[in-house]
Amino acid sequence: MVRKLITEKEYVEFLIGRDGEFDQIVASTVRRAKCDIRDDNCELIWVLAYPKAEYANNADSFDEYYDSVEICD
């Protein structure tokens, strides 16, 4: 599905959480597809419902892993 979206759509934003194994699998799959297929038409975005200490304490690592991080107000 990820491959199909990346190859067939003009631009895709993958909005994901980080609260379980499924979220980690999806993030990993999207990152792999971006490396293998193309990365100029998609973005991997980690969406947080509120600011978390996990992000605050490791912002540099998360900013390298995800294309962007969005924190809802």
Protein backbone atom coordinates (compact mmCIF):
# COMPACT_ATOMS: atom_id res chain seq x y z
CA MET A 1 0.00 0.00 0.00
CA VAL A 2 2.81 2.41 0.87
CA ARG A 3 4.61 1.65 -2.39
CA LYS A 4 1.40 2.24 -4.35
CA LEU A 5 0.75 5.58 -2.65
CA ILE A 6 4.30 6.81 -3.24
CA THR A 7 4.36 5.81 -6.89
CA GLU A 8 0.82 6.82 -7.86
CA LYS A 9 0.14 10.02 -5.90
CA GLU A 10 1.63 13.44 -6.50
CA TYR A 11 2.31 13.99 -2.78
CA VAL A 12 1.62 11.93 0.34
CA GLU A 13 1.85 12.82 4.02
CA PHE A 14 2.10 9.82 6.32
CA LEU A 15 0.77 10.96 9.71
CA ILE A 16 1.59 8.46 12.42
CA GLY A 17 1.70 8.11 16.17
CA ARG A 18 4.23 6.34 18.32
CA ASP A 19 2.19 4.50 20.92
CA GLY A 20 2.70 0.87 19.99
CA GLU A 21 4.33 -1.71 17.80
CA PHE A 22 1.98 -1.06 14.88
CA ASP A 23 3.07 2.59 14.74
CA GLN A 24 6.71 1.52 14.73
CA ILE A 25 6.09 -0.97 11.91
CA VAL A 26 4.35 1.69 9.82
CA ALA A 27 7.11 4.25 10.39
CA SER A 28 9.77 1.70 9.50
CA THR A 29 7.90 0.65 6.36
CA VAL A 30 7.47 4.23 5.17
CA ARG A 31 11.15 5.03 5.80
CA ARG A 32 12.24 1.92 3.90
CA ALA A 33 9.93 2.76 0.97
CA LYS A 34 11.27 6.31 0.87
CA CYS A 35 14.81 4.94 0.56
CA ASP A 36 13.96 2.22 -1.95
CA ILE A 37 11.43 4.01 -4.17
CA ARG A 38 11.61 7.78 -3.82
CA ASP A 39 11.45 10.40 -1.12
CA ASP A 40 10.74 13.60 -3.01
CA ASN A 41 6.95 13.30 -2.93
CA CYS A 42 6.21 12.12 0.60
CA GLU A 43 6.76 13.05 4.21
CA LEU A 44 6.75 10.99 7.41
CA ILE A 45 5.21 13.05 10.20
CA TRP A 46 5.02 12.06 13.86
CA VAL A 47 1.85 13.56 15.38
CA LEU A 48 1.66 14.02 19.14
CA ALA A 49 -1.58 14.85 20.92
CA TYR A 50 0.38 16.87 23.49
CA PRO A 51 4.04 17.60 24.32
CA LYS A 52 5.74 14.50 25.73
CA ALA A 53 8.91 14.20 27.79
CA GLU A 54 10.03 11.42 25.41
CA TYR A 55 10.24 13.98 22.60
CA ALA A 56 11.62 16.81 24.72
CA ASN A 57 14.44 14.60 26.01
CA ASN A 58 15.32 13.15 22.58
CA ALA A 59 14.27 15.85 20.10
CA ASP A 60 17.43 15.58 17.97
CA SER A 61 17.01 11.83 17.46
CA PHE A 62 13.33 12.11 16.61
CA ASP A 63 13.94 15.05 14.27
CA GLU A 64 16.45 12.91 12.37
CA TYR A 65 14.10 9.91 12.17
CA TYR A 66 10.92 11.74 11.12
CA ASP A 67 10.65 14.38 8.41
CA SER A 68 8.76 16.54 10.87
CA VAL A 69 7.07 16.39 14.27
CA GLU A 70 3.74 18.06 14.93
CA ILE A 71 2.34 18.67 18.39
CA CYS A 72 -1.38 19.41 18.56
CA ASP A 73 -2.51 22.30 20.75
